[in-house]
Amino acid sequence: MKDYKDIIAKELSDKDLGLSYEEVYDLIEIPPQADMGDYSFPCFSLAKTLRKNPAIIATELAENLEIEGFEKIENLNAYLNFFVDRKLFINSVLGEIMEKKERFGSSDEGEGKNIVIDFSSVNIAKPFHIGHIRSTVQGDAIRNINEFLGYNVIATNYLGDYGTQFGTMIAAFKLWGDEETINADPINELLKLYVRYNTEASENQEMMDVARAEFKNLEDGDSDATKLWQWFKDISLKEFERVYALLDIRFDDYNGESYNSQFIPETIELLKEKNLLVESEGAQIVDLSPYDLTPAIIIKSNGSSSYITRDIGTAINRKRVYDFEENLYVVATQQNLHYQQLRKILELMGYEWWDDNKHIAFGMVSLKDQTLSTRKGQVVFLEDVLNKAIDKTKSIMTERNADIENIDETAAIVGIGAVKFQELYNNRIKDYVFDWDEVLNFDGETGPYVQYTYARAKSVLRKAGITEADTSGFNKIISDEEFALVKTLAEFPDVVARARAKYEPSLITRHITEVAKAFNKFYNSSQIMVDDEELRNERLALTYATSIVIKQGLSLLGIKTVEKM
């Protein structure tokens, strides 16, 4: 497929405009309206270098430019607008989709490069709740996008299986715990203990001292503390795996805080060697005040380690084991300071790769009329949300008398896909409210809408008796609706590349929504099964190409497709 931006950029950069090829390429944009052209170059930045009014520059360039593959080049005020040759463009785009199929938009840019993605990171002995959906689903999509572009991705679930909270759990169990009761309903019963202990400890500071002492016992290898901690971890993971199975998400390892605590002694020695440790009120800290950051506590006054101590050791070990190109932490915005401290400490330790550790921050998700707080026991289990989505989807399909052989399987794919889609439709950094009415809407910009569009395309192909389109060329599909759809399909590789560069899956989610809209406009305006065999085959090929892009786009988001709805 031709890169039309590249063709334009090369032509313009040869005109001695005072801008490099890269600068010109980055300025080329897609006009907001189809009648303004297919590509546009704003001439405002040329005013200084050419010492002319941008509108005059655009006029002069339009009069003197003639580029193969473009029907015409016009100016509109300060914009230079390019109109591609529709037949050439359609043949180029659809030809590549037919050739590459599900690999359309992929690349080998990441060949030989390792990327570590740290996501989900649930806490053992605590609920896997709706708040965890962001890190879990965003991280999975970022992993899929990178793999699609040729990177070797190591997906790690940095379990929250260490720290004072486990001192709290151990202390709570010793006071009120019953093994049989907990085994019957692990997460709910452990949550009750956790909430009860925190509630009573808020009125009794000595209880928090006991919890901290229990964690110190755990760090020191106390057998009773270790036995309880391992039990909490085992029963929690069994519960979590059920949710990951529903989400169809896998990890390469679950190396959490406890695993990475083995690197603490080495980390402390390295910090001492670099003269970075300072004593402060009985604790060992790294003073980051010269960099407008609060001090990072490395060893607490009671001798136990802190979260950042383990993260420093983890980053060093990951670099040693994987020699990563990037080490990505998909963690909420509340941890901005923590990752600023981590990066700065790694830089002060002299590691040139400190900047390759990136915090992929995201906003918070909330439920209508509900405040979430684990400490107070105000949680909504993610598994309950997913099962409710499945049940609601099945109910909607039943009401619509959907002709589906395996309605349970279809409802699971569409329902869970709808939850993922809404999460990934929102810009990663923004907070959003989880709304059932939006999630399962079959008519709005939602997962079910895109799924329904895909199923519609597959239905057309099924009725035509084809599983794969085969055409030697495209000569008849040049209407506005057909061309608009092809243009949207053509943007997919660029959207995928930008989604990776910005760590922003919502770019893909929104784009395949636009693909679905463009296909439905084409479907409603253009009869596909016409008598003209050549036109019919070309429209079927366009339908086939659309199904490929929608399916691949959803796949990158971690969403399966259904053939019937």
Protein backbone atom coordinates (compact mmCIF):
# COMPACT_ATOMS: atom_id res chain seq x y z
CA MET A 1 0.00 0.00 0.00
CA LYS A 2 1.36 3.36 -0.98
CA ASP A 3 2.17 5.84 1.77
CA TYR A 4 0.54 8.94 0.32
CA LYS A 5 1.83 11.13 3.14
CA ASP A 6 5.33 9.98 2.21
CA ILE A 7 4.74 10.87 -1.46
CA ILE A 8 3.49 14.36 -0.52
CA ALA A 9 6.28 14.94 2.01
CA LYS A 10 9.01 13.99 -0.47
CA GLU A 11 7.57 16.30 -3.12
CA LEU A 12 7.18 19.26 -0.76
CA SER A 13 10.54 18.84 0.98
CA ASP A 14 12.21 19.03 -2.46
CA LYS A 15 10.70 22.52 -2.96
CA ASP A 16 13.22 24.24 -0.68
CA LEU A 17 10.56 25.32 1.79
CA GLY A 18 12.89 25.47 4.78
CA LEU A 19 11.42 22.32 6.37
CA SER A 20 12.88 18.83 6.49
CA TYR A 21 11.09 15.79 5.13
CA GLU A 22 10.25 14.68 8.68
CA GLU A 23 8.81 18.11 9.57
CA VAL A 24 6.67 18.17 6.43
CA TYR A 25 5.48 14.58 7.00
CA ASP A 26 4.41 15.34 10.57
CA LEU A 27 2.39 18.37 9.44
CA ILE A 28 0.33 16.49 6.86
CA GLU A 29 -3.17 15.79 8.17
CA ILE A 30 -6.54 14.36 7.19
CA PRO A 31 -9.07 17.15 6.46
CA PRO A 32 -12.21 17.21 8.63
CA GLN A 33 -14.52 17.06 5.57
CA ALA A 34 -14.29 14.83 2.51
CA ASP A 35 -14.86 17.72 0.07
CA MET A 36 -11.68 19.35 1.39
CA GLY A 37 -9.50 16.56 0.04
CA ASP A 38 -7.94 13.37 1.29
CA TYR A 39 -4.75 14.89 2.70
CA SER A 40 -3.95 18.43 3.70
CA PHE A 41 -0.81 20.45 4.37
CA PRO A 42 -1.12 23.66 6.44
CA CYS A 43 1.26 26.35 5.21
CA PHE A 44 1.37 28.49 8.37
CA SER A 45 4.80 27.20 9.38
CA LEU A 46 6.20 28.34 6.01
CA ALA A 47 5.38 32.00 6.64
CA LYS A 48 8.65 32.60 8.51
CA THR A 49 10.95 30.68 6.16
CA LEU A 50 9.42 32.02 2.92
CA ARG A 51 8.42 35.44 4.32
CA LYS A 52 5.00 35.33 2.68
CA ASN A 53 1.37 35.13 3.69
CA PRO A 54 0.49 31.41 4.23
CA ALA A 55 -2.53 31.69 1.92
CA ILE A 56 -0.33 33.04 -0.90
CA ILE A 57 2.18 30.23 -0.32
CA ALA A 58 -0.64 27.66 -0.58
CA THR A 59 -1.90 29.25 -3.80
CA GLU A 60 1.54 29.26 -5.44
CA LEU A 61 2.25 25.67 -4.43
CA ALA A 62 -1.13 24.46 -5.73
CA GLU A 63 -0.43 26.08 -9.11
CA ASN A 64 2.98 24.44 -9.46
CA LEU A 65 2.46 20.99 -8.00
CA GLU A 66 1.61 17.89 -9.98
CA ILE A 67 2.07 14.53 -8.24
CA GLU A 68 1.44 11.10 -9.70
CA GLY A 69 -1.42 9.33 -7.93
CA PHE A 70 -3.37 12.51 -7.21
CA GLU A 71 -6.31 13.70 -9.31
CA LYS A 72 -5.94 17.32 -8.25
CA ILE A 73 -4.22 19.63 -5.77
CA GLU A 74 -6.07 22.73 -4.59
CA ASN A 75 -5.61 25.38 -1.96
CA LEU A 76 -8.21 26.58 0.52
CA ASN A 77 -6.94 29.65 2.32
CA ALA A 78 -3.63 28.55 3.93
CA TYR A 79 -4.22 24.85 3.35
CA LEU A 80 -2.90 22.79 0.46
CA ASN A 81 -5.44 20.01 -0.22
CA PHE A 82 -4.63 16.80 -2.06
CA PHE A 83 -7.25 14.61 -3.79
CA VAL A 84 -6.04 11.09 -4.53
CA ASP A 85 -6.84 9.12 -7.66
CA ARG A 86 -9.67 6.99 -6.29
CA LYS A 87 -9.10 3.93 -8.47
CA LEU A 88 -5.38 3.80 -7.74
CA PHE A 89 -5.98 4.37 -4.03
CA ILE A 90 -8.69 1.70 -3.72
CA ASN A 91 -6.62 -0.86 -5.61
CA SER A 92 -3.57 -0.13 -3.47
CA VAL A 93 -5.42 -0.41 -0.14
CA LEU A 94 -7.67 -3.37 -0.85
CA GLY A 95 -4.88 -5.17 -2.68
CA GLU A 96 -2.71 -5.06 0.43
CA ILE A 97 -5.54 -6.15 2.75
CA MET A 98 -6.28 -9.10 0.47
CA GLU A 99 -2.61 -10.04 0.43
CA LYS A 100 -1.84 -9.64 4.16
CA LYS A 101 -5.26 -10.44 5.60
CA GLU A 102 -5.03 -10.55 9.43
CA ARG A 103 -1.42 -9.25 9.24
CA PHE A 104 -2.59 -6.00 7.64
CA GLY A 105 -1.17 -3.20 9.79
CA SER A 106 1.49 -5.38 11.40
CA SER A 107 5.22 -4.81 11.10
CA ASP A 108 8.60 -6.16 12.19
CA GLU A 109 9.75 -2.90 13.79
CA GLY A 110 10.12 -4.65 17.15
CA GLU A 111 12.09 -7.64 15.90
CA GLY A 112 14.75 -8.63 18.43
CA LYS A 113 13.51 -6.12 21.03
CA ASN A 114 12.11 -7.05 24.44
CA ILE A 115 9.40 -5.13 26.25
CA VAL A 116 8.32 -5.89 29.81
CA ILE A 117 4.73 -4.91 30.63
CA ASP A 118 3.76 -4.88 34.29
CA PHE A 119 -0.04 -4.85 34.55
CA SER A 120 -3.08 -5.93 36.57
CA SER A 121 -1.01 -6.34 39.75
CA VAL A 122 -3.83 -7.41 42.04
CA ASN A 123 -3.35 -7.74 45.79
CA ILE A 124 -3.68 -11.21 47.25
CA ALA A 125 -6.21 -11.70 50.06
CA LYS A 126 -8.20 -8.79 48.58
CA PRO A 127 -11.01 -8.63 46.01
CA PHE A 128 -10.33 -8.54 42.28
CA HIS A 129 -12.71 -5.61 41.87
CA ILE A 130 -13.98 -3.28 39.14
CA GLY A 131 -11.17 -0.84 39.89
CA HIS A 132 -8.64 -3.40 38.62
CA ILE A 133 -10.19 -3.49 35.16
CA ARG A 134 -8.21 -0.52 33.88
CA SER A 135 -4.70 -1.86 34.51
CA THR A 136 -5.74 -5.38 33.47
CA VAL A 137 -7.45 -4.57 30.18
CA GLN A 138 -5.27 -1.60 29.16
CA GLY A 139 -2.11 -3.61 29.84
CA ASP A 140 -3.36 -6.58 27.84
CA ALA A 141 -4.19 -4.36 24.84
CA ILE A 142 -0.79 -2.64 24.98
CA ARG A 143 0.83 -6.09 25.05
CA ASN A 144 -1.20 -7.21 22.00
CA ILE A 145 -0.34 -4.05 20.04
CA ASN A 146 3.38 -4.45 20.69
CA GLU A 147 3.33 -8.13 19.73
CA PHE A 148 1.48 -7.22 16.51
CA LEU A 149 4.37 -4.88 15.66
CA GLY A 150 6.98 -7.57 16.19
CA TYR A 151 8.14 -6.92 19.76
CA ASN A 152 8.86 -9.77 22.16
CA VAL A 153 6.64 -8.94 25.13
CA ILE A 154 7.02 -10.28 28.66
CA ALA A 155 3.72 -9.84 30.48
CA THR A 156 4.24 -9.78 34.23
CA ASN A 157 1.62 -9.63 36.97
CA TYR A 158 3.44 -7.94 39.86
CA LEU A 159 1.30 -9.41 42.61
CA GLY A 160 0.76 -7.32 45.70
CA ASP A 161 1.80 -10.17 47.98
CA TYR A 162 4.03 -8.40 50.47
CA GLY A 163 4.04 -5.37 52.73
CA THR A 164 2.32 -4.17 55.90
CA GLN A 165 -1.12 -5.21 54.61
CA PHE A 166 -0.07 -8.82 55.09
CA GLY A 167 0.97 -8.07 58.61
CA THR A 168 -2.61 -6.79 58.96
CA MET A 169 -4.04 -10.00 57.47
CA ILE A 170 -1.87 -12.24 59.67
CA ALA A 171 -2.76 -10.28 62.80
CA ALA A 172 -6.47 -10.35 61.89
CA PHE A 173 -6.47 -14.10 61.27
CA LYS A 174 -4.73 -14.77 64.57
CA LEU A 175 -7.46 -12.80 66.35
CA TRP A 176 -10.61 -13.93 64.56
CA GLY A 177 -9.78 -16.27 61.65
CA ASP A 178 -11.29 -19.69 60.97
CA GLU A 179 -9.62 -21.84 58.30
CA GLU A 180 -12.76 -23.75 57.31
CA THR A 181 -14.83 -20.57 56.89
CA ILE A 182 -12.13 -18.93 54.76
CA ASN A 183 -11.65 -21.97 52.51
CA ALA A 184 -15.40 -21.95 51.80
CA ASP A 185 -15.36 -18.35 50.49
CA PRO A 186 -11.74 -17.12 50.47
CA ILE A 187 -11.82 -13.55 49.19
CA ASN A 188 -15.03 -12.48 50.91
CA GLU A 189 -13.94 -13.87 54.26
CA LEU A 190 -10.42 -12.46 54.03
CA LEU A 191 -11.94 -9.09 53.09
CA LYS A 192 -14.13 -9.22 56.20
CA LEU A 193 -11.07 -9.81 58.37
CA TYR A 194 -9.14 -7.00 56.65
CA VAL A 195 -12.01 -4.52 57.02
CA ARG A 196 -12.66 -5.46 60.65
CA TYR A 197 -8.99 -5.08 61.59
CA ASN A 198 -8.64 -1.69 59.87
CA THR A 199 -11.87 -0.47 61.46
CA GLU A 200 -10.78 -1.39 64.98
CA ALA A 201 -7.19 -0.26 64.38
CA SER A 202 -8.43 3.23 63.46
CA GLU A 203 -9.38 3.54 67.13
CA ASN A 204 -6.40 1.61 68.51
CA GLN A 205 -2.90 2.53 67.26
CA GLU A 206 -1.36 -0.46 69.04
CA MET A 207 -3.12 -2.76 66.58
CA MET A 208 -1.23 -1.16 63.68
CA ASP A 209 2.00 -1.66 65.60
CA VAL A 210 1.10 -5.35 65.89
CA ALA A 211 0.41 -5.51 62.12
CA ARG A 212 3.78 -3.92 61.33
CA ALA A 213 5.48 -6.36 63.70
CA GLU A 214 3.78 -9.30 61.96
CA PHE A 215 5.08 -8.09 58.60
CA LYS A 216 8.58 -7.80 60.07
CA ASN A 217 8.17 -11.43 61.23
CA LEU A 218 7.25 -12.37 57.66
CA GLU A 219 10.32 -10.61 56.26
CA ASP A 220 12.49 -12.38 58.83
CA GLY A 221 11.14 -15.77 57.72
CA ASP A 222 9.01 -16.60 60.77
CA SER A 223 7.47 -20.02 60.04
CA ASP A 224 3.94 -19.25 61.29
CA ALA A 225 3.77 -15.94 59.41
CA THR A 226 5.17 -17.53 56.25
CA LYS A 227 2.72 -20.43 56.40
CA LEU A 228 -0.30 -18.11 56.71
CA TRP A 229 1.00 -15.81 53.97
CA GLN A 230 1.51 -18.73 51.53
CA TRP A 231 -1.99 -19.99 52.24
CA PHE A 232 -3.51 -16.55 51.62
CA LYS A 233 -1.59 -16.37 48.33
CA ASP A 234 -2.56 -19.84 47.09
CA ILE A 235 -6.30 -19.47 47.71
CA SER A 236 -6.29 -15.93 46.26
CA LEU A 237 -4.56 -16.97 43.04
CA LYS A 238 -7.10 -19.73 42.53
CA GLU A 239 -9.87 -17.13 42.69
CA PHE A 240 -8.03 -14.66 40.42
CA GLU A 241 -7.34 -17.26 37.74
CA ARG A 242 -11.08 -17.70 37.25
CA VAL A 243 -11.42 -13.98 36.44
CA TYR A 244 -8.41 -14.02 34.09
CA ALA A 245 -9.95 -17.01 32.31
CA LEU A 246 -13.18 -15.05 31.79
CA LEU A 247 -11.16 -12.12 30.42
CA ASP A 248 -9.00 -14.47 28.31
CA ILE A 249 -5.84 -12.81 29.61
CA ARG A 250 -2.55 -14.61 30.22
CA PHE A 251 0.71 -13.71 31.93
CA ASP A 252 4.26 -14.93 31.52
CA ASP A 253 4.89 -14.71 35.26
CA TYR A 254 3.36 -13.67 38.57
CA ASN A 255 6.61 -12.40 40.07
CA GLY A 256 5.32 -9.95 42.64
CA GLU A 257 6.69 -8.17 45.66
CA SER A 258 7.63 -11.31 47.59
CA TYR A 259 9.63 -12.72 44.65
CA ASN A 260 11.43 -9.45 44.07
CA SER A 261 12.24 -8.96 47.75
CA GLN A 262 15.25 -11.23 47.19
CA PHE A 263 16.94 -8.30 45.44
CA ILE A 264 16.63 -5.97 48.46
CA PRO A 265 20.11 -6.67 49.96
CA GLU A 266 21.79 -6.04 46.59
CA THR A 267 19.75 -2.87 46.11
CA ILE A 268 20.74 -1.47 49.49
CA GLU A 269 24.42 -2.25 48.86
CA LEU A 270 24.28 -0.51 45.47
CA LEU A 271 22.64 2.56 47.02
CA LYS A 272 25.35 2.64 49.69
CA GLU A 273 28.08 2.36 47.05
CA LYS A 274 26.61 5.39 45.28
CA ASN A 275 26.42 7.29 48.60
CA LEU A 276 22.71 7.81 48.09
CA LEU A 277 21.44 6.56 51.47
CA VAL A 278 20.84 9.10 54.23
CA GLU A 279 19.61 8.43 57.76
CA SER A 280 16.43 10.27 58.75
CA GLU A 281 14.62 9.68 62.06
CA GLY A 282 15.86 6.11 62.23
CA ALA A 283 14.97 5.33 58.61
CA GLN A 284 17.23 5.08 55.55
CA ILE A 285 16.14 7.38 52.73
CA VAL A 286 17.24 8.78 49.37
CA ASP A 287 17.00 12.55 49.56
CA LEU A 288 15.30 13.74 46.36
CA SER A 289 14.58 17.32 47.47
CA PRO A 290 17.15 18.76 44.99
CA TYR A 291 14.86 17.41 42.26
CA ASP A 292 11.61 18.75 43.78
CA LEU A 293 10.59 15.27 44.90
CA THR A 294 9.81 14.03 48.40
CA PRO A 295 12.35 11.69 50.06
CA ALA A 296 12.11 7.99 49.14
CA ILE A 297 12.12 5.74 52.20
CA ILE A 298 14.31 2.71 51.50
CA ILE A 299 14.39 1.07 54.96
CA LYS A 300 11.75 1.99 57.53
CA SER A 301 12.66 2.84 61.12
CA ASN A 302 11.59 -0.68 62.22
CA GLY A 303 14.03 -2.26 59.74
CA SER A 304 11.48 -3.47 57.15
CA SER A 305 11.76 -2.59 53.48
CA SER A 306 9.47 -0.29 51.56
CA TYR A 307 7.66 -0.64 48.23
CA ILE A 308 10.18 1.44 46.29
CA THR A 309 13.12 -0.63 47.59
CA ARG A 310 11.60 -3.69 45.95
CA ASP A 311 10.82 -1.75 42.76
CA ILE A 312 14.42 -0.59 42.39
CA GLY A 313 15.67 -4.17 42.68
CA THR A 314 12.93 -5.38 40.33
CA ALA A 315 13.89 -2.90 37.60
CA ILE A 316 17.59 -3.80 37.88
CA ASN A 317 16.79 -7.51 37.67
CA ARG A 318 14.44 -7.08 34.71
CA LYS A 319 17.14 -5.23 32.79
CA ARG A 320 19.65 -7.94 33.66
CA VAL A 321 17.34 -10.81 32.63
CA TYR A 322 15.53 -9.31 29.61
CA ASP A 323 17.71 -6.39 28.48
CA PHE A 324 14.43 -4.62 27.80
CA GLU A 325 13.82 -1.86 25.30
CA GLU A 326 11.08 -0.60 27.62
CA ASN A 327 9.87 -1.56 31.08
CA LEU A 328 6.24 -0.42 31.27
CA TYR A 329 4.23 0.00 34.47
CA VAL A 330 0.49 0.18 33.77
CA VAL A 331 -0.51 1.72 37.09
CA ALA A 332 -3.00 4.40 38.19
CA THR A 333 -2.16 8.12 38.25
CA GLN A 334 -2.09 8.09 42.07
CA GLN A 335 1.35 6.47 41.79
CA ASN A 336 2.85 9.30 39.69
CA LEU A 337 5.17 10.39 42.51
CA HIS A 338 6.33 6.82 43.16
CA TYR A 339 7.45 6.32 39.56
CA GLN A 340 9.04 9.75 39.39
CA GLN A 341 11.09 8.75 42.44
CA LEU A 342 11.95 5.35 40.95
CA ARG A 343 13.17 6.83 37.66
CA LYS A 344 15.19 9.52 39.42
CA ILE A 345 16.85 7.02 41.79
CA LEU A 346 17.79 4.75 38.87
CA GLU A 347 19.26 7.79 37.12
CA LEU A 348 21.24 8.79 40.23
CA MET A 349 22.54 5.21 40.45
CA GLY A 350 24.07 5.77 37.02
CA TYR A 351 21.86 3.53 34.91
CA GLU A 352 21.65 4.88 31.36
CA TRP A 353 18.40 2.94 30.85
CA TRP A 354 16.53 4.78 33.63
CA ASP A 355 14.35 6.56 31.04
CA ASP A 356 13.24 3.24 29.53
CA ASN A 357 11.18 2.64 32.69
CA LYS A 358 7.85 4.26 31.85
CA HIS A 359 4.77 4.82 33.97
CA ILE A 360 1.71 4.23 31.77
CA ALA A 361 -0.73 6.06 34.01
CA PHE A 362 -4.51 5.83 33.85
CA GLY A 363 -7.47 7.53 35.48
CA MET A 364 -9.98 5.94 37.80
CA VAL A 365 -13.18 4.03 37.07
CA SER A 366 -16.21 4.48 39.28
CA LEU A 367 -19.74 3.13 39.42
CA LYS A 368 -22.89 5.23 39.43
CA ASP A 369 -23.86 6.22 42.98
CA GLN A 370 -21.11 4.07 44.51
CA THR A 371 -17.80 4.91 46.18
CA LEU A 372 -15.23 2.14 46.16
CA SER A 373 -13.01 1.48 49.19
CA THR A 374 -11.39 -1.88 50.01
CA ARG A 375 -10.61 -0.84 53.59
CA LYS A 376 -14.27 -0.08 54.23
CA GLY A 377 -15.46 -3.17 52.35
CA GLN A 378 -17.15 -1.11 49.64
CA VAL A 379 -16.15 -3.10 46.56
CA VAL A 380 -17.77 -4.51 43.43
CA PHE A 381 -16.16 -7.77 42.33
CA LEU A 382 -14.99 -7.75 38.72
CA GLU A 383 -16.18 -11.34 38.29
CA ASP A 384 -19.70 -10.24 39.26
CA VAL A 385 -19.55 -7.42 36.71
CA LEU A 386 -18.46 -9.80 33.94
CA ASN A 387 -21.12 -12.38 34.77
CA LYS A 388 -23.76 -9.67 34.90
CA ALA A 389 -22.64 -8.47 31.45
CA ILE A 390 -23.02 -12.00 30.11
CA ASP A 391 -26.50 -12.39 31.65
CA LYS A 392 -27.68 -9.00 30.38
CA THR A 393 -26.39 -9.73 26.87
CA LYS A 394 -28.13 -13.10 26.80
CA SER A 395 -31.35 -11.45 27.95
CA ILE A 396 -31.16 -8.83 25.17
CA MET A 397 -30.48 -11.49 22.53
CA THR A 398 -33.38 -13.61 23.79
CA GLU A 399 -35.74 -10.63 23.65
CA ARG A 400 -34.65 -9.98 20.06
CA ASN A 401 -35.20 -13.64 19.12
CA ALA A 402 -31.62 -13.93 17.92
CA ASP A 403 -31.04 -16.93 15.67
CA ILE A 404 -27.88 -18.21 17.39
CA GLU A 405 -26.96 -21.85 17.89
CA ASN A 406 -24.81 -21.35 21.01
CA ILE A 407 -26.34 -18.36 22.71
CA ASP A 408 -24.36 -18.85 25.96
CA GLU A 409 -21.00 -18.74 24.20
CA THR A 410 -22.06 -15.76 22.08
CA ALA A 411 -23.41 -13.88 25.11
CA ALA A 412 -20.09 -14.44 26.92
CA ILE A 413 -18.03 -13.13 23.99
CA VAL A 414 -20.27 -10.11 23.37
CA GLY A 415 -20.89 -9.32 27.06
CA ILE A 416 -17.27 -9.49 28.21
CA GLY A 417 -16.19 -7.80 24.99
CA ALA A 418 -18.62 -4.96 25.74
CA VAL A 419 -17.05 -4.38 29.15
CA LYS A 420 -13.56 -4.37 27.64
CA PHE A 421 -14.64 -2.14 24.77
CA GLN A 422 -16.06 0.57 27.01
CA GLU A 423 -12.92 0.52 29.13
CA LEU A 424 -10.71 0.82 26.04
CA TYR A 425 -12.91 3.39 24.31
CA ASN A 426 -12.09 5.91 27.00
CA ASN A 427 -8.86 7.85 26.85
CA ARG A 428 -6.48 6.05 29.20
CA ILE A 429 -5.68 9.04 31.40
CA LYS A 430 -9.26 10.16 31.98
CA ASP A 431 -11.56 9.08 34.81
CA TYR A 432 -14.85 7.55 33.71
CA VAL A 433 -18.08 6.20 35.16
CA PHE A 434 -19.01 2.59 34.37
CA ASP A 435 -22.56 2.69 32.99
CA TRP A 436 -24.54 -0.45 32.06
CA ASP A 437 -26.77 1.51 29.67
CA GLU A 438 -23.74 2.55 27.63
CA VAL A 439 -21.85 -0.73 27.84
CA LEU A 440 -24.56 -2.91 26.30
CA ASN A 441 -26.07 -0.43 23.86
CA PHE A 442 -26.32 -2.09 20.42
CA ASP A 443 -26.76 1.25 18.65
CA GLY A 444 -24.14 3.59 20.12
CA GLU A 445 -20.35 3.67 19.90
CA THR A 446 -20.03 0.44 21.84
CA GLY A 447 -18.66 -3.08 21.63
CA PRO A 448 -22.03 -4.64 20.70
CA TYR A 449 -22.43 -2.11 17.86
CA VAL A 450 -19.04 -3.02 16.38
CA GLN A 451 -19.68 -6.74 16.95
CA TYR A 452 -23.04 -6.45 15.23
CA THR A 453 -21.40 -4.71 12.25
CA TYR A 454 -18.84 -7.50 11.97
CA ALA A 455 -21.59 -10.14 12.16
CA ARG A 456 -23.51 -8.24 9.46
CA ALA A 457 -20.48 -8.29 7.15
CA LYS A 458 -19.97 -12.01 7.76
CA SER A 459 -23.67 -12.63 7.08
CA VAL A 460 -23.36 -10.91 3.69
CA LEU A 461 -20.35 -13.05 2.81
CA ARG A 462 -22.06 -16.21 4.06
CA LYS A 463 -25.15 -15.58 1.95
CA ALA A 464 -22.94 -14.94 -1.08
CA GLY A 465 -21.29 -18.29 -0.47
CA ILE A 466 -17.75 -16.96 -0.11
CA THR A 467 -15.23 -17.31 2.69
CA GLU A 468 -12.48 -15.34 0.98
CA ALA A 469 -12.75 -12.62 -1.66
CA ASP A 470 -10.67 -12.93 -4.79
CA THR A 471 -10.49 -10.16 -7.34
CA SER A 472 -7.86 -9.04 -9.82
CA GLY A 473 -8.66 -5.36 -9.43
CA PHE A 474 -11.17 -2.69 -8.47
CA ASN A 475 -12.68 -0.56 -11.19
CA LYS A 476 -16.29 0.08 -10.17
CA ILE A 477 -16.38 0.86 -6.44
CA ILE A 478 -15.68 4.59 -6.55
CA SER A 479 -18.81 6.07 -4.92
CA ASP A 480 -18.40 8.46 -1.99
CA GLU A 481 -19.54 5.83 0.53
CA GLU A 482 -17.28 3.14 -0.91
CA PHE A 483 -14.28 5.45 -1.07
CA ALA A 484 -14.91 6.74 2.48
CA LEU A 485 -14.89 3.16 3.78
CA VAL A 486 -11.64 2.32 1.94
CA LYS A 487 -10.02 5.47 3.33
CA THR A 488 -10.98 4.45 6.86
CA LEU A 489 -9.56 0.96 6.32
CA ALA A 490 -6.36 2.50 4.94
CA GLU A 491 -5.77 4.41 8.17
CA PHE A 492 -5.61 1.24 10.30
CA PRO A 493 -1.81 0.64 10.11
CA ASP A 494 -1.09 4.25 11.06
CA VAL A 495 -3.59 4.09 13.94
CA VAL A 496 -1.94 0.93 15.29
CA ALA A 497 1.50 2.57 15.11
CA ARG A 498 0.25 5.67 16.93
CA ALA A 499 -1.50 3.54 19.55
CA ARG A 500 1.81 1.87 20.33
CA ALA A 501 3.77 5.14 20.37
CA LYS A 502 1.27 6.79 22.73
CA TYR A 503 0.43 3.63 24.75
CA GLU A 504 -3.18 4.49 23.90
CA PRO A 505 -5.47 1.57 22.91
CA SER A 506 -8.44 3.95 22.66
CA LEU A 507 -7.07 5.12 19.30
CA ILE A 508 -7.77 1.64 17.92
CA THR A 509 -11.13 1.32 19.70
CA ARG A 510 -12.38 4.59 18.27
CA HIS A 511 -10.98 3.83 14.83
CA ILE A 512 -12.72 0.48 14.44
CA THR A 513 -15.90 2.25 15.57
CA GLU A 514 -15.39 4.61 12.62
CA VAL A 515 -14.78 1.61 10.34
CA ALA A 516 -18.09 0.14 11.54
CA LYS A 517 -19.91 3.43 10.89
CA ALA A 518 -18.40 3.73 7.40
CA PHE A 519 -19.35 0.15 6.58
CA ASN A 520 -22.95 0.65 7.70
CA LYS A 521 -23.22 3.78 5.52
CA PHE A 522 -21.88 1.80 2.57
CA TYR A 523 -24.19 -1.14 3.37
CA ASN A 524 -27.27 1.10 3.53
CA SER A 525 -26.44 3.08 0.39
CA SER A 526 -25.03 0.40 -1.91
CA GLN A 527 -26.77 -2.82 -2.83
CA ILE A 528 -24.13 -5.53 -2.69
CA MET A 529 -25.80 -8.48 -4.42
CA VAL A 530 -26.36 -6.73 -7.77
CA ASP A 531 -26.65 -8.38 -11.19
CA ASP A 532 -23.39 -6.79 -12.40
CA GLU A 533 -20.96 -9.58 -11.48
CA GLU A 534 -17.86 -7.37 -11.45
CA LEU A 535 -19.49 -4.76 -9.21
CA ARG A 536 -20.92 -7.48 -6.93
CA ASN A 537 -17.51 -9.12 -6.52
CA GLU A 538 -15.84 -5.81 -5.77
CA ARG A 539 -18.42 -4.90 -3.11
CA LEU A 540 -18.11 -8.37 -1.60
CA ALA A 541 -14.32 -7.88 -1.53
CA LEU A 542 -14.80 -4.54 0.25
CA THR A 543 -17.07 -6.28 2.76
CA TYR A 544 -14.47 -8.99 3.26
CA ALA A 545 -11.69 -6.43 3.77
CA THR A 546 -13.84 -4.63 6.35
CA SER A 547 -14.44 -7.84 8.29
CA ILE A 548 -10.68 -8.46 8.40
CA VAL A 549 -9.89 -5.02 9.83
CA ILE A 550 -12.70 -5.06 12.39
CA LYS A 551 -11.74 -8.54 13.59
CA GLN A 552 -8.05 -7.66 13.84
CA GLY A 553 -8.81 -4.37 15.59
CA LEU A 554 -10.95 -6.13 18.19
CA SER A 555 -8.30 -8.82 18.58
CA LEU A 556 -5.69 -6.19 19.47
CA LEU A 557 -8.07 -5.02 22.19
CA GLY A 558 -8.33 -8.57 23.51
CA ILE A 559 -11.90 -8.99 22.22
CA LYS A 560 -13.14 -12.05 20.32
CA THR A 561 -15.70 -11.81 17.53
CA VAL A 562 -18.91 -13.70 16.77
CA GLU A 563 -20.14 -14.70 13.32
CA LYS A 564 -23.84 -14.30 14.20
CA MET A 565 -25.76 -11.96 16.50
